[in-house]
């Protein structure tokens, strides 16, 4: 049997916002999540997804 935590608990654990956790769940970036009514249930041992957003480069920096 799996143990689950809520989005606010995952946000605190991973050091990111609750909204970001919800978005990761919506996008399927966290494996094993389940949605119960309006609440996301995240497996307690789920790893924090890698942040795939692109960071801007400084002016004059090459690829």
PDB file of N, CA and C in Angstrom:
ATOM      1  N   UNK A   1       0.845  -1.187   0.000  1.00  0.00           N
ATOM      2  CA  UNK A   1       0.000   0.000   0.000  1.00  0.00           C
ATOM      3  C   UNK A   1       0.889   1.248   0.000  1.00  0.00           C
ATOM      4  N   UNK A   2       0.489   2.205  -0.802  1.00  0.00           N
ATOM      5  CA  UNK A   2       1.260   3.441  -0.932  1.00  0.00           C
ATOM      6  C   UNK A   2       0.836   4.458   0.120  1.00  0.00           C
ATOM      7  N   UNK A   3       1.800   5.270   0.526  1.00  0.00           N
ATOM      8  CA  UNK A   3       1.503   6.400   1.405  1.00  0.00           C
ATOM      9  C   UNK A   3       1.588   7.664   0.562  1.00  0.00           C
ATOM     10  N   UNK A   4       0.631   8.549   0.734  1.00  0.00           N
ATOM     11  CA  UNK A   4       0.558   9.759  -0.070  1.00  0.00           C
ATOM     12  C   UNK A   4       0.706  10.999   0.789  1.00  0.00           C
ATOM     13  N   UNK A   5       1.168  12.076   0.149  1.00  0.00           N
ATOM     14  CA  UNK A   5       1.197  13.393   0.770  1.00  0.00           C
ATOM     15  C   UNK A   5       0.424  14.347  -0.145  1.00  0.00           C
ATOM     16  N   UNK A   6       0.025  15.478   0.394  1.00  0.00           N
ATOM     17  CA  UNK A   6      -0.726  16.468  -0.382  1.00  0.00           C
ATOM     18  C   UNK A   6       0.233  17.395  -1.127  1.00  0.00           C
ATOM     19  N   UNK A   7      -0.318  18.196  -2.019  1.00  0.00           N
ATOM     20  CA  UNK A   7       0.491  19.163  -2.767  1.00  0.00           C
ATOM     21  C   UNK A   7       1.181  20.170  -1.842  1.00  0.00           C
ATOM     22  N   UNK A   8       0.495  20.701  -0.820  1.00  0.00           N
ATOM     23  CA  UNK A   8       1.195  21.630   0.084  1.00  0.00           C
ATOM     24  C   UNK A   8       2.361  20.955   0.827  1.00  0.00           C
ATOM     25  N   UNK A   9       2.186  19.700   1.203  1.00  0.00           N
ATOM     26  CA  UNK A   9       3.262  18.970   1.889  1.00  0.00           C
ATOM     27  C   UNK A   9       4.445  18.744   0.944  1.00  0.00           C
ATOM     28  N   UNK A  10       4.151  18.391  -0.306  1.00  0.00           N
ATOM     29  CA  UNK A  10       5.215  18.188  -1.301  1.00  0.00           C
ATOM     30  C   UNK A  10       5.934  19.502  -1.583  1.00  0.00           C
ATOM     31  N   UNK A  11       5.193  20.592  -1.653  1.00  0.00           N
ATOM     32  CA  UNK A  11       5.788  21.906  -1.905  1.00  0.00           C
ATOM     33  C   UNK A  11       6.777  22.273  -0.803  1.00  0.00           C
ATOM     34  N   UNK A  12       6.393  22.029   0.420  1.00  0.00           N
ATOM     35  CA  UNK A  12       7.273  22.332   1.558  1.00  0.00           C
ATOM     36  C   UNK A  12       8.498  21.418   1.530  1.00  0.00           C
ATOM     37  N   UNK A  13       8.282  20.142   1.236  1.00  0.00           N
ATOM     38  CA  UNK A  13       9.367  19.154   1.192  1.00  0.00           C
ATOM     39  C   UNK A  13      10.393  19.496   0.109  1.00  0.00           C
ATOM     40  N   UNK A  14       9.914  19.931  -1.063  1.00  0.00           N
ATOM     41  CA  UNK A  14      10.777  20.191  -2.211  1.00  0.00           C
ATOM     42  C   UNK A  14      11.244  21.640  -2.317  1.00  0.00           C
ATOM     43  N   UNK A  15      10.691  22.531  -1.506  1.00  0.00           N
ATOM     44  CA  UNK A  15      11.106  23.933  -1.535  1.00  0.00           C
ATOM     45  C   UNK A  15      10.603  24.695  -2.747  1.00  0.00           C
ATOM     46  N   UNK A  16       9.403  24.341  -3.231  1.00  0.00           N
ATOM     47  CA  UNK A  16       8.784  25.046  -4.356  1.00  0.00           C
ATOM     48  C   UNK A  16       7.354  25.419  -3.973  1.00  0.00           C
ATOM     49  N   UNK A  17       6.681  26.179  -4.822  1.00  0.00           N
ATOM     50  CA  UNK A  17       5.325  26.620  -4.493  1.00  0.00           C
ATOM     51  C   UNK A  17       4.309  25.495  -4.683  1.00  0.00           C
ATOM     52  N   UNK A  18       3.212  25.627  -3.982  1.00  0.00           N
ATOM     53  CA  UNK A  18       2.122  24.648  -4.107  1.00  0.00           C
ATOM     54  C   UNK A  18       1.583  24.629  -5.531  1.00  0.00           C
ATOM     55  N   UNK A  19       1.472  25.808  -6.145  1.00  0.00           N
ATOM     56  CA  UNK A  19       0.968  25.894  -7.521  1.00  0.00           C
ATOM     57  C   UNK A  19       1.898  25.166  -8.487  1.00  0.00           C
ATOM     58  N   UNK A  20       3.206  25.258  -8.270  1.00  0.00           N
ATOM     59  CA  UNK A  20       4.173  24.558  -9.132  1.00  0.00           C
ATOM     60  C   UNK A  20       3.996  23.046  -9.002  1.00  0.00           C
ATOM     61  N   UNK A  21       3.763  22.563  -7.787  1.00  0.00           N
ATOM     62  CA  UNK A  21       3.518  21.127  -7.574  1.00  0.00           C
ATOM     63  C   UNK A  21       2.252  20.705  -8.318  1.00  0.00           C
ATOM     64  N   UNK A  22       1.199  21.504  -8.219  1.00  0.00           N
ATOM     65  CA  UNK A  22      -0.051  21.189  -8.918  1.00  0.00           C
ATOM     66  C   UNK A  22       0.177  21.123 -10.425  1.00  0.00           C
ATOM     67  N   UNK A  23       0.940  22.054 -10.965  1.00  0.00           N
ATOM     68  CA  UNK A  23       1.224  22.090 -12.400  1.00  0.00           C
ATOM     69  C   UNK A  23       2.033  20.855 -12.815  1.00  0.00           C
ATOM     70  N   UNK A  24       3.007  20.454 -12.003  1.00  0.00           N
ATOM     71  CA  UNK A  24       3.788  19.250 -12.296  1.00  0.00           C
ATOM     72  C   UNK A  24       2.883  18.021 -12.315  1.00  0.00           C
ATOM     73  N   UNK A  25       1.915  17.970 -11.408  1.00  0.00           N
ATOM     74  CA  UNK A  25       0.947  16.865 -11.383  1.00  0.00           C
ATOM     75  C   UNK A  25       0.089  16.882 -12.644  1.00  0.00           C
ATOM     76  N   UNK A  26      -0.431  18.043 -13.010  1.00  0.00           N
ATOM     77  CA  UNK A  26      -1.271  18.184 -14.204  1.00  0.00           C
ATOM     78  C   UNK A  26      -0.536  17.763 -15.464  1.00  0.00           C
ATOM     79  N   UNK A  27       0.752  18.075 -15.533  1.00  0.00           N
ATOM     80  CA  UNK A  27       1.561  17.772 -16.715  1.00  0.00           C
ATOM     81  C   UNK A  27       2.101  16.347 -16.731  1.00  0.00           C
ATOM     82  N   UNK A  28       1.803  15.568 -15.683  1.00  0.00           N
ATOM     83  CA  UNK A  28       2.261  14.182 -15.628  1.00  0.00           C
ATOM     84  C   UNK A  28       3.744  14.043 -15.351  1.00  0.00           C
ATOM     85  N   UNK A  29       4.339  15.025 -14.704  1.00  0.00           N
ATOM     86  CA  UNK A  29       5.787  15.018 -14.436  1.00  0.00           C
ATOM     87  C   UNK A  29       6.151  14.266 -13.161  1.00  0.00           C
ATOM     88  N   UNK A  30       5.130  13.937 -12.334  1.00  0.00           N
ATOM     89  CA  UNK A  30       5.365  13.174 -11.106  1.00  0.00           C
ATOM     90  C   UNK A  30       4.645  11.840 -11.269  1.00  0.00           C
ATOM     91  N   UNK A  31       5.406  10.759 -11.181  1.00  0.00           N
ATOM     92  CA  UNK A  31       4.796   9.441 -11.394  1.00  0.00           C
ATOM     93  C   UNK A  31       4.026   8.986 -10.153  1.00  0.00           C
ATOM     94  N   UNK A  32       2.919   8.309 -10.406  1.00  0.00           N
ATOM     95  CA  UNK A  32       2.127   7.724  -9.330  1.00  0.00           C
ATOM     96  C   UNK A  32       1.133   8.650  -8.665  1.00  0.00           C
ATOM     97  N   UNK A  33       0.948   9.855  -9.203  1.00  0.00           N
ATOM     98  CA  UNK A  33      -0.009  10.776  -8.582  1.00  0.00           C
ATOM     99  C   UNK A  33      -1.438  10.336  -8.848  1.00  0.00           C
ATOM    100  N   UNK A  34      -2.325  10.727  -7.953  1.00  0.00           N
ATOM    101  CA  UNK A  34      -3.744  10.455  -8.117  1.00  0.00           C
ATOM    102  C   UNK A  34      -4.492  11.723  -7.724  1.00  0.00           C
ATOM    103  N   UNK A  35      -5.607  11.948  -8.383  1.00  0.00           N
ATOM    104  CA  UNK A  35      -6.417  13.119  -8.052  1.00  0.00           C
ATOM    105  C   UNK A  35      -7.688  12.633  -7.386  1.00  0.00           C
ATOM    106  N   UNK A  36      -7.924  13.110  -6.196  1.00  0.00           N
ATOM    107  CA  UNK A  36      -9.123  12.763  -5.441  1.00  0.00           C
ATOM    108  C   UNK A  36      -9.918  14.033  -5.250  1.00  0.00           C
ATOM    109  N   UNK A  37     -11.047  14.121  -5.938  1.00  0.00           N
ATOM    110  CA  UNK A  37     -11.855  15.336  -5.961  1.00  0.00           C
ATOM    111  C   UNK A  37     -10.993  16.473  -6.522  1.00  0.00           C
ATOM    112  N   UNK A  38     -10.680  17.487  -5.715  1.00  0.00           N
ATOM    113  CA  UNK A  38      -9.839  18.599  -6.189  1.00  0.00           C
ATOM    114  C   UNK A  38      -8.444  18.565  -5.582  1.00  0.00           C
ATOM    115  N   UNK A  39      -8.082  17.445  -4.967  1.00  0.00           N
ATOM    116  CA  UNK A  39      -6.798  17.351  -4.273  1.00  0.00           C
ATOM    117  C   UNK A  39      -5.872  16.339  -4.942  1.00  0.00           C
ATOM    118  N   UNK A  40      -4.617  16.738  -5.153  1.00  0.00           N
ATOM    119  CA  UNK A  40      -3.622  15.832  -5.710  1.00  0.00           C
ATOM    120  C   UNK A  40      -2.999  15.022  -4.588  1.00  0.00           C
ATOM    121  N   UNK A  41      -2.881  13.719  -4.807  1.00  0.00           N
ATOM    122  CA  UNK A  41      -2.218  12.822  -3.865  1.00  0.00           C
ATOM    123  C   UNK A  41      -0.910  12.378  -4.511  1.00  0.00           C
ATOM    124  N   UNK A  42       0.191  12.642  -3.843  1.00  0.00           N
ATOM    125  CA  UNK A  42       1.524  12.390  -4.383  1.00  0.00           C
ATOM    126  C   UNK A  42       2.192  11.316  -3.528  1.00  0.00           C
ATOM    127  N   UNK A  43       2.759  10.277  -4.166  1.00  0.00           N
ATOM    128  CA  UNK A  43       3.441   9.246  -3.379  1.00  0.00           C
ATOM    129  C   UNK A  43       4.515   9.877  -2.477  1.00  0.00           C
ATOM    130  N   UNK A  44       4.553   9.430  -1.238  1.00  0.00           N
ATOM    131  CA  UNK A  44       5.458  10.002  -0.246  1.00  0.00           C
ATOM    132  C   UNK A  44       6.924   9.930  -0.679  1.00  0.00           C
ATOM    133  N   UNK A  45       7.293   8.874  -1.404  1.00  0.00           N
ATOM    134  CA  UNK A  45       8.687   8.696  -1.804  1.00  0.00           C
ATOM    135  C   UNK A  45       8.985   9.178  -3.230  1.00  0.00           C
ATOM    136  N   UNK A  46       8.045   9.929  -3.832  1.00  0.00           N
ATOM    137  CA  UNK A  46       8.251  10.435  -5.199  1.00  0.00           C
ATOM    138  C   UNK A  46       9.388  11.453  -5.205  1.00  0.00           C
ATOM    139  N   UNK A  47      10.320  11.332  -6.167  1.00  0.00           N
ATOM    140  CA  UNK A  47      11.412  12.303  -6.239  1.00  0.00           C
ATOM    141  C   UNK A  47      10.926  13.615  -6.857  1.00  0.00           C
ATOM    142  N   UNK A  48      11.599  14.705  -6.500  1.00  0.00           N
ATOM    143  CA  UNK A  48      11.275  16.009  -7.080  1.00  0.00           C
ATOM    144  C   UNK A  48      11.683  15.986  -8.552  1.00  0.00           C
ATOM    145  N   UNK A  49      10.767  16.346  -9.465  1.00  0.00           N
ATOM    146  CA  UNK A  49      11.120  16.378 -10.892  1.00  0.00           C
ATOM    147  C   UNK A  49      12.187  17.424 -11.188  1.00  0.00           C
ATOM    148  N   UNK A  50      12.983  17.143 -12.192  1.00  0.00           N
ATOM    149  CA  UNK A  50      14.008  18.090 -12.628  1.00  0.00           C
ATOM    150  C   UNK A  50      13.321  19.284 -13.263  1.00  0.00           C
ATOM    151  N   UNK A  51      13.806  20.475 -12.966  1.00  0.00           N
ATOM    152  CA  UNK A  51      13.229  21.693 -13.520  1.00  0.00           C
ATOM    153  C   UNK A  51      13.684  21.835 -14.966  1.00  0.00           C
ATOM    154  N   UNK A  52      12.770  21.633 -15.909  1.00  0.00           N
ATOM    155  CA  UNK A  52      13.103  21.663 -17.322  1.00  0.00           C
ATOM    156  C   UNK A  52      12.977  23.020 -17.971  1.00  0.00           C
ATOM    157  N   UNK A  53      12.659  24.037 -17.178  1.00  0.00           N
ATOM    158  CA  UNK A  53      12.526  25.375 -17.753  1.00  0.00           C
ATOM    159  C   UNK A  53      13.886  25.899 -18.176  1.00  0.00           C
ATOM    160  N   UNK A  54      13.909  26.664 -19.257  1.00  0.00           N
ATOM    161  CA  UNK A  54      15.152  27.199 -19.806  1.00  0.00           C
ATOM    162  C   UNK A  54      15.507  28.485 -19.086  1.00  0.00           C
ATOM    163  N   UNK A  55      16.761  28.577 -18.670  1.00  0.00           N
ATOM    164  CA  UNK A  55      17.227  29.804 -18.033  1.00  0.00           C
ATOM    165  C   UNK A  55      17.845  30.691 -19.105  1.00  0.00           C
ATOM    166  N   UNK A  56      17.672  31.979 -18.966  1.00  0.00           N
ATOM    167  CA  UNK A  56      18.214  32.932 -19.938  1.00  0.00           C
ATOM    168  C   UNK A  56      19.726  33.002 -19.894  1.00  0.00           C
ATOM    169  N   UNK A  57      20.305  33.306 -21.018  1.00  0.00           N
ATOM    170  CA  UNK A  57      21.752  33.462 -21.104  1.00  0.00           C
ATOM    171  C   UNK A  57      22.112  34.932 -20.915  1.00  0.00           C
ATOM    172  N   UNK A  58      23.320  35.152 -20.446  1.00  0.00           N
ATOM    173  CA  UNK A  58      23.797  36.532 -20.301  1.00  0.00           C
ATOM    174  C   UNK A  58      24.194  37.061 -21.674  1.00  0.00           C
ATOM    175  N   UNK A  59      24.123  38.351 -21.813  1.00  0.00           N
ATOM    176  CA  UNK A  59      24.448  38.995 -23.084  1.00  0.00           C
ATOM    177  C   UNK A  59      25.890  38.676 -23.479  1.00  0.00           C
ATOM    178  N   UNK A  60      26.090  38.250 -24.726  1.00  0.00           N
ATOM    179  CA  UNK A  60      27.406  37.923 -25.233  1.00  0.00           C
ATOM    180  C   UNK A  60      27.844  36.494 -24.982  1.00  0.00           C
ATOM    181  N   UNK A  61      27.020  35.727 -24.272  1.00  0.00           N
ATOM    182  CA  UNK A  61      27.355  34.330 -23.972  1.00  0.00           C
ATOM    183  C   UNK A  61      26.926  33.457 -25.148  1.00  0.00           C
ATOM    184  N   UNK A  62      27.791  32.553 -25.579  1.00  0.00           N
ATOM    185  CA  UNK A  62      27.464  31.690 -26.714  1.00  0.00           C
ATOM    186  C   UNK A  62      26.784  30.417 -26.249  1.00  0.00           C
ATOM    187  N   UNK A  63      26.190  29.707 -27.222  1.00  0.00           N
ATOM    188  CA  UNK A  63      25.476  28.464 -26.909  1.00  0.00           C
ATOM    189  C   UNK A  63      26.377  27.400 -26.480  1.00  0.00           C
TER     190      UNK A  63
END
